[in-house]
Amino acid sequence: MAVEDTDFLFPPKVMPELRDVRGLEWKSMVDRISLQAPDAIERVAFVLMMVRMNGCTTCQADSFKAMRGCSSCSVQTVKRFRGDDKELINQLEVARRELVTYMKKQGKK
């Protein structure tokens, strides 16, 4: 049985499903980022943060995690995060800064 919800890396289409998983700060952040353009730096940083948290780069197509799908994996990962919403928002900021630094090195923006 194939799961149609499994991608190679965290798919942005899953963002709305993460909205109600945490507190108000998290919900506000997800709402704001979900409305941004696909190439907006904060949205790309959110994807990077989730790829890291979910362990997307080590996910195997035949693993239990992959068979459950990206939505289930992401919801579970965010729910199980032991820190508070501020710590998650801080992780987003770290990913954003890394992307900005990378883009400057590449001569963009």
N, C-alpha and C. Protein backbone atom coordinates (compact mmCIF):
# COMPACT_ATOMS: atom_id res chain seq x y z
N MET A 1 0.84 -1.18 0.00
CA MET A 1 0.00 0.00 0.00
C MET A 1 0.88 1.24 0.00
N ALA A 2 0.72 2.09 -0.97
CA ALA A 2 1.51 3.32 -1.07
C ALA A 2 0.81 4.46 -0.34
N VAL A 3 1.61 5.26 0.33
CA VAL A 3 1.09 6.44 1.01
C VAL A 3 1.34 7.63 0.11
N GLU A 4 0.30 8.37 -0.20
CA GLU A 4 0.45 9.51 -1.11
C GLU A 4 0.94 10.76 -0.40
N ASP A 5 1.17 10.64 0.89
CA ASP A 5 1.57 11.79 1.70
C ASP A 5 3.07 11.79 1.99
N THR A 6 3.83 11.00 1.28
CA THR A 6 5.25 10.90 1.56
C THR A 6 6.06 11.56 0.45
N ASP A 7 6.93 12.49 0.85
CA ASP A 7 7.82 13.20 -0.06
C ASP A 7 9.26 12.92 0.35
N PHE A 8 10.20 13.43 -0.42
CA PHE A 8 11.61 13.24 -0.08
C PHE A 8 12.02 14.08 1.11
N LEU A 9 11.49 15.29 1.18
CA LEU A 9 11.76 16.21 2.28
C LEU A 9 10.44 16.80 2.75
N PHE A 10 10.46 17.47 3.88
CA PHE A 10 9.23 18.05 4.42
C PHE A 10 8.51 18.89 3.37
N PRO A 11 7.26 18.53 3.06
CA PRO A 11 6.51 19.29 2.07
C PRO A 11 5.75 20.45 2.71
N PRO A 12 5.88 21.65 2.18
CA PRO A 12 5.18 22.81 2.74
C PRO A 12 3.65 22.64 2.81
N LYS A 13 3.10 21.77 1.98
CA LYS A 13 1.66 21.55 2.02
C LYS A 13 1.18 21.00 3.36
N VAL A 14 2.10 20.52 4.18
CA VAL A 14 1.77 19.96 5.50
C VAL A 14 1.63 21.06 6.56
N MET A 15 2.14 22.25 6.27
CA MET A 15 2.13 23.34 7.26
C MET A 15 0.78 23.55 7.94
N PRO A 16 -0.31 23.65 7.20
CA PRO A 16 -1.59 23.89 7.87
C PRO A 16 -1.98 22.80 8.89
N GLU A 17 -1.53 21.59 8.65
CA GLU A 17 -1.83 20.49 9.57
C GLU A 17 -1.08 20.65 10.90
N LEU A 18 -0.03 21.44 10.91
CA LEU A 18 0.76 21.66 12.12
C LEU A 18 0.23 22.81 12.97
N ARG A 19 -0.69 23.55 12.43
CA ARG A 19 -1.19 24.79 13.05
C ARG A 19 -1.66 24.60 14.49
N ASP A 20 -2.47 23.60 14.74
CA ASP A 20 -3.10 23.44 16.05
C ASP A 20 -2.38 22.44 16.96
N VAL A 21 -1.15 22.11 16.63
CA VAL A 21 -0.41 21.10 17.39
C VAL A 21 0.22 21.67 18.66
N ARG A 22 0.49 22.97 18.69
CA ARG A 22 1.16 23.61 19.81
C ARG A 22 0.33 24.80 20.31
N GLY A 23 0.99 25.73 20.97
CA GLY A 23 0.32 26.89 21.55
C GLY A 23 0.08 28.03 20.59
N LEU A 24 -0.31 29.16 21.15
CA LEU A 24 -0.67 30.34 20.36
C LEU A 24 0.49 30.91 19.55
N GLU A 25 1.69 30.94 20.13
CA GLU A 25 2.85 31.48 19.40
C GLU A 25 3.15 30.62 18.17
N TRP A 26 3.09 29.31 18.35
CA TRP A 26 3.32 28.39 17.24
C TRP A 26 2.24 28.59 16.17
N LYS A 27 0.99 28.63 16.59
CA LYS A 27 -0.14 28.80 15.67
C LYS A 27 0.02 30.09 14.86
N SER A 28 0.37 31.17 15.52
CA SER A 28 0.56 32.45 14.86
C SER A 28 1.68 32.37 13.82
N MET A 29 2.78 31.72 14.20
CA MET A 29 3.91 31.57 13.29
C MET A 29 3.53 30.75 12.06
N VAL A 30 2.86 29.63 12.28
CA VAL A 30 2.45 28.77 11.16
C VAL A 30 1.48 29.52 10.25
N ASP A 31 0.53 30.25 10.83
CA ASP A 31 -0.41 31.04 10.01
C ASP A 31 0.33 32.05 9.15
N ARG A 32 1.27 32.77 9.75
CA ARG A 32 2.02 33.80 9.03
C ARG A 32 2.84 33.19 7.89
N ILE A 33 3.54 32.13 8.18
CA ILE A 33 4.43 31.52 7.20
C ILE A 33 3.66 30.83 6.08
N SER A 34 2.53 30.24 6.41
CA SER A 34 1.72 29.55 5.41
C SER A 34 1.23 30.49 4.31
N LEU A 35 1.08 31.76 4.63
CA LEU A 35 0.59 32.74 3.66
C LEU A 35 1.69 33.32 2.77
N GLN A 36 2.94 33.03 3.10
CA GLN A 36 4.05 33.60 2.35
C GLN A 36 4.27 32.89 1.02
N ALA A 37 4.95 33.58 0.13
CA ALA A 37 5.29 32.99 -1.17
C ALA A 37 6.21 31.78 -0.97
N PRO A 38 6.15 30.81 -1.87
CA PRO A 38 6.97 29.61 -1.73
C PRO A 38 8.47 29.87 -1.58
N ASP A 39 8.97 30.98 -2.16
CA ASP A 39 10.40 31.27 -2.09
C ASP A 39 10.75 32.29 -1.00
N ALA A 40 9.80 32.65 -0.16
CA ALA A 40 10.08 33.58 0.94
C ALA A 40 11.07 32.93 1.91
N ILE A 41 12.03 33.70 2.35
CA ILE A 41 13.11 33.17 3.18
C ILE A 41 12.59 32.50 4.45
N GLU A 42 11.59 33.08 5.08
CA GLU A 42 11.07 32.49 6.32
C GLU A 42 10.37 31.16 6.04
N ARG A 43 9.70 31.07 4.92
CA ARG A 43 9.03 29.81 4.56
C ARG A 43 10.06 28.72 4.25
N VAL A 44 11.10 29.07 3.54
CA VAL A 44 12.17 28.12 3.24
C VAL A 44 12.87 27.71 4.54
N ALA A 45 13.05 28.67 5.45
CA ALA A 45 13.66 28.36 6.75
C ALA A 45 12.79 27.40 7.55
N PHE A 46 11.47 27.56 7.46
CA PHE A 46 10.55 26.64 8.15
C PHE A 46 10.72 25.23 7.60
N VAL A 47 10.82 25.10 6.30
CA VAL A 47 11.04 23.79 5.69
C VAL A 47 12.35 23.20 6.18
N LEU A 48 13.41 24.00 6.18
CA LEU A 48 14.71 23.53 6.67
C LEU A 48 14.61 23.07 8.12
N MET A 49 13.96 23.86 8.96
CA MET A 49 13.79 23.49 10.37
C MET A 49 13.06 22.15 10.49
N MET A 50 12.00 21.97 9.74
CA MET A 50 11.23 20.73 9.83
C MET A 50 12.00 19.54 9.26
N VAL A 51 12.78 19.76 8.21
CA VAL A 51 13.62 18.69 7.66
C VAL A 51 14.58 18.19 8.75
N ARG A 52 15.16 19.12 9.48
CA ARG A 52 16.08 18.76 10.55
C ARG A 52 15.36 18.05 11.69
N MET A 53 14.24 18.62 12.12
CA MET A 53 13.51 18.03 13.25
C MET A 53 12.98 16.64 12.92
N ASN A 54 12.44 16.48 11.71
CA ASN A 54 11.85 15.20 11.30
C ASN A 54 12.89 14.16 10.93
N GLY A 55 14.10 14.60 10.62
CA GLY A 55 15.12 13.67 10.15
C GLY A 55 14.84 13.21 8.73
N CYS A 56 14.32 14.11 7.92
CA CYS A 56 13.93 13.77 6.54
C CYS A 56 15.09 13.21 5.71
N THR A 57 16.30 13.69 5.95
CA THR A 57 17.43 13.26 5.11
C THR A 57 17.81 11.81 5.36
N THR A 58 17.38 11.24 6.46
CA THR A 58 17.70 9.84 6.74
C THR A 58 16.47 8.93 6.62
N CYS A 59 15.35 9.48 6.22
CA CYS A 59 14.12 8.70 6.08
C CYS A 59 14.24 7.79 4.86
N GLN A 60 13.91 6.55 5.04
CA GLN A 60 13.96 5.57 3.95
C GLN A 60 12.55 5.28 3.46
N ALA A 61 12.39 5.10 2.16
CA ALA A 61 11.07 4.90 1.56
C ALA A 61 10.32 3.71 2.16
N ASP A 62 11.04 2.72 2.63
CA ASP A 62 10.38 1.54 3.18
C ASP A 62 10.32 1.54 4.71
N SER A 63 10.66 2.67 5.33
CA SER A 63 10.63 2.75 6.79
C SER A 63 9.21 2.96 7.29
N PHE A 64 8.98 2.60 8.53
CA PHE A 64 7.66 2.79 9.14
C PHE A 64 7.27 4.26 9.09
N LYS A 65 8.23 5.12 9.37
CA LYS A 65 8.00 6.57 9.36
C LYS A 65 7.51 7.03 7.99
N ALA A 66 8.17 6.61 6.95
CA ALA A 66 7.79 7.01 5.59
C ALA A 66 6.45 6.42 5.20
N MET A 67 6.19 5.22 5.63
CA MET A 67 4.93 4.58 5.29
C MET A 67 3.73 5.28 5.95
N ARG A 68 3.97 5.93 7.07
CA ARG A 68 2.90 6.68 7.74
C ARG A 68 2.63 8.00 7.02
N GLY A 69 3.63 8.54 6.38
CA GLY A 69 3.48 9.79 5.63
C GLY A 69 4.06 10.99 6.35
N CYS A 70 4.31 12.03 5.58
CA CYS A 70 4.94 13.25 6.10
C CYS A 70 4.05 13.98 7.10
N SER A 71 2.76 13.98 6.86
CA SER A 71 1.85 14.68 7.78
C SER A 71 1.93 14.07 9.17
N SER A 72 1.76 12.76 9.26
CA SER A 72 1.80 12.09 10.56
C SER A 72 3.15 12.26 11.24
N CYS A 73 4.21 12.11 10.47
CA CYS A 73 5.56 12.26 11.02
C CYS A 73 5.75 13.67 11.58
N SER A 74 5.36 14.67 10.81
CA SER A 74 5.57 16.06 11.22
C SER A 74 4.74 16.43 12.45
N VAL A 75 3.49 16.02 12.45
CA VAL A 75 2.63 16.30 13.60
C VAL A 75 3.21 15.66 14.85
N GLN A 76 3.62 14.41 14.74
CA GLN A 76 4.20 13.71 15.89
C GLN A 76 5.48 14.38 16.36
N THR A 77 6.33 14.78 15.43
CA THR A 77 7.59 15.43 15.78
C THR A 77 7.35 16.73 16.53
N VAL A 78 6.44 17.56 16.03
CA VAL A 78 6.18 18.85 16.67
C VAL A 78 5.52 18.64 18.04
N LYS A 79 4.61 17.68 18.13
CA LYS A 79 3.96 17.39 19.41
C LYS A 79 4.97 16.93 20.46
N ARG A 80 5.92 16.12 20.02
CA ARG A 80 6.89 15.53 20.95
C ARG A 80 8.04 16.47 21.31
N PHE A 81 8.14 17.60 20.63
CA PHE A 81 9.22 18.54 20.93
C PHE A 81 9.10 18.96 22.39
N ARG A 82 10.17 18.79 23.12
CA ARG A 82 10.14 19.00 24.57
C ARG A 82 10.22 20.45 25.01
N GLY A 83 10.69 21.31 24.13
CA GLY A 83 10.79 22.72 24.47
C GLY A 83 9.46 23.43 24.28
N ASP A 84 9.46 24.71 24.58
CA ASP A 84 8.24 25.49 24.39
C ASP A 84 8.22 26.12 23.00
N ASP A 85 7.14 26.83 22.71
CA ASP A 85 6.99 27.45 21.39
C ASP A 85 8.12 28.42 21.08
N LYS A 86 8.60 29.13 22.10
CA LYS A 86 9.70 30.09 21.88
C LYS A 86 10.95 29.39 21.38
N GLU A 87 11.20 28.19 21.88
CA GLU A 87 12.37 27.43 21.43
C GLU A 87 12.21 27.01 19.97
N LEU A 88 11.01 26.64 19.59
CA LEU A 88 10.76 26.30 18.18
C LEU A 88 10.94 27.52 17.29
N ILE A 89 10.43 28.64 17.74
CA ILE A 89 10.57 29.89 16.98
C ILE A 89 12.04 30.27 16.88
N ASN A 90 12.81 30.02 17.92
CA ASN A 90 14.24 30.27 17.89
C ASN A 90 14.92 29.36 16.86
N GLN A 91 14.49 28.11 16.77
CA GLN A 91 15.06 27.21 15.77
C GLN A 91 14.76 27.71 14.36
N LEU A 92 13.58 28.27 14.18
CA LEU A 92 13.25 28.86 12.88
C LEU A 92 14.18 30.03 12.57
N GLU A 93 14.44 30.86 13.56
CA GLU A 93 15.33 32.01 13.37
C GLU A 93 16.75 31.55 13.03
N VAL A 94 17.22 30.51 13.69
CA VAL A 94 18.55 29.96 13.40
C VAL A 94 18.61 29.49 11.94
N ALA A 95 17.60 28.77 11.50
CA ALA A 95 17.55 28.29 10.11
C ALA A 95 17.50 29.47 9.14
N ARG A 96 16.74 30.50 9.48
CA ARG A 96 16.63 31.69 8.62
C ARG A 96 17.99 32.37 8.48
N ARG A 97 18.70 32.55 9.61
CA ARG A 97 20.02 33.18 9.55
C ARG A 97 21.00 32.36 8.72
N GLU A 98 20.95 31.04 8.86
CA GLU A 98 21.82 30.18 8.07
C GLU A 98 21.55 30.34 6.58
N LEU A 99 20.29 30.42 6.22
CA LEU A 99 19.93 30.61 4.81
C LEU A 99 20.40 31.96 4.29
N VAL A 100 20.23 33.00 5.08
CA VAL A 100 20.68 34.34 4.67
C VAL A 100 22.19 34.33 4.47
N THR A 101 22.92 33.72 5.39
CA THR A 101 24.38 33.63 5.28
C THR A 101 24.76 32.86 4.01
N TYR A 102 24.10 31.76 3.78
CA TYR A 102 24.38 30.95 2.58
C TYR A 102 24.11 31.75 1.31
N MET A 103 22.99 32.45 1.28
CA MET A 103 22.63 33.22 0.09
C MET A 103 23.62 34.36 -0.15
N LYS A 104 24.11 34.98 0.91
CA LYS A 104 25.12 36.04 0.74
C LYS A 104 26.40 35.46 0.15
N LYS A 105 26.78 34.29 0.61
CA LYS A 105 27.98 33.65 0.07
C LYS A 105 27.81 33.29 -1.40
N GLN A 106 26.58 33.01 -1.79
CA GLN A 106 26.29 32.65 -3.19
C GLN A 106 26.09 33.89 -4.06
N GLY A 107 26.11 35.07 -3.43
CA GLY A 107 25.95 36.32 -4.17
C GLY A 107 24.50 36.68 -4.47
N LYS A 108 23.60 36.17 -3.64
CA LYS A 108 22.16 36.46 -3.83
C LYS A 108 21.67 37.34 -2.70
N LYS A 109 20.81 38.27 -3.03
CA LYS A 109 20.19 39.21 -2.09
C LYS A 109 21.23 39.91 -1.33
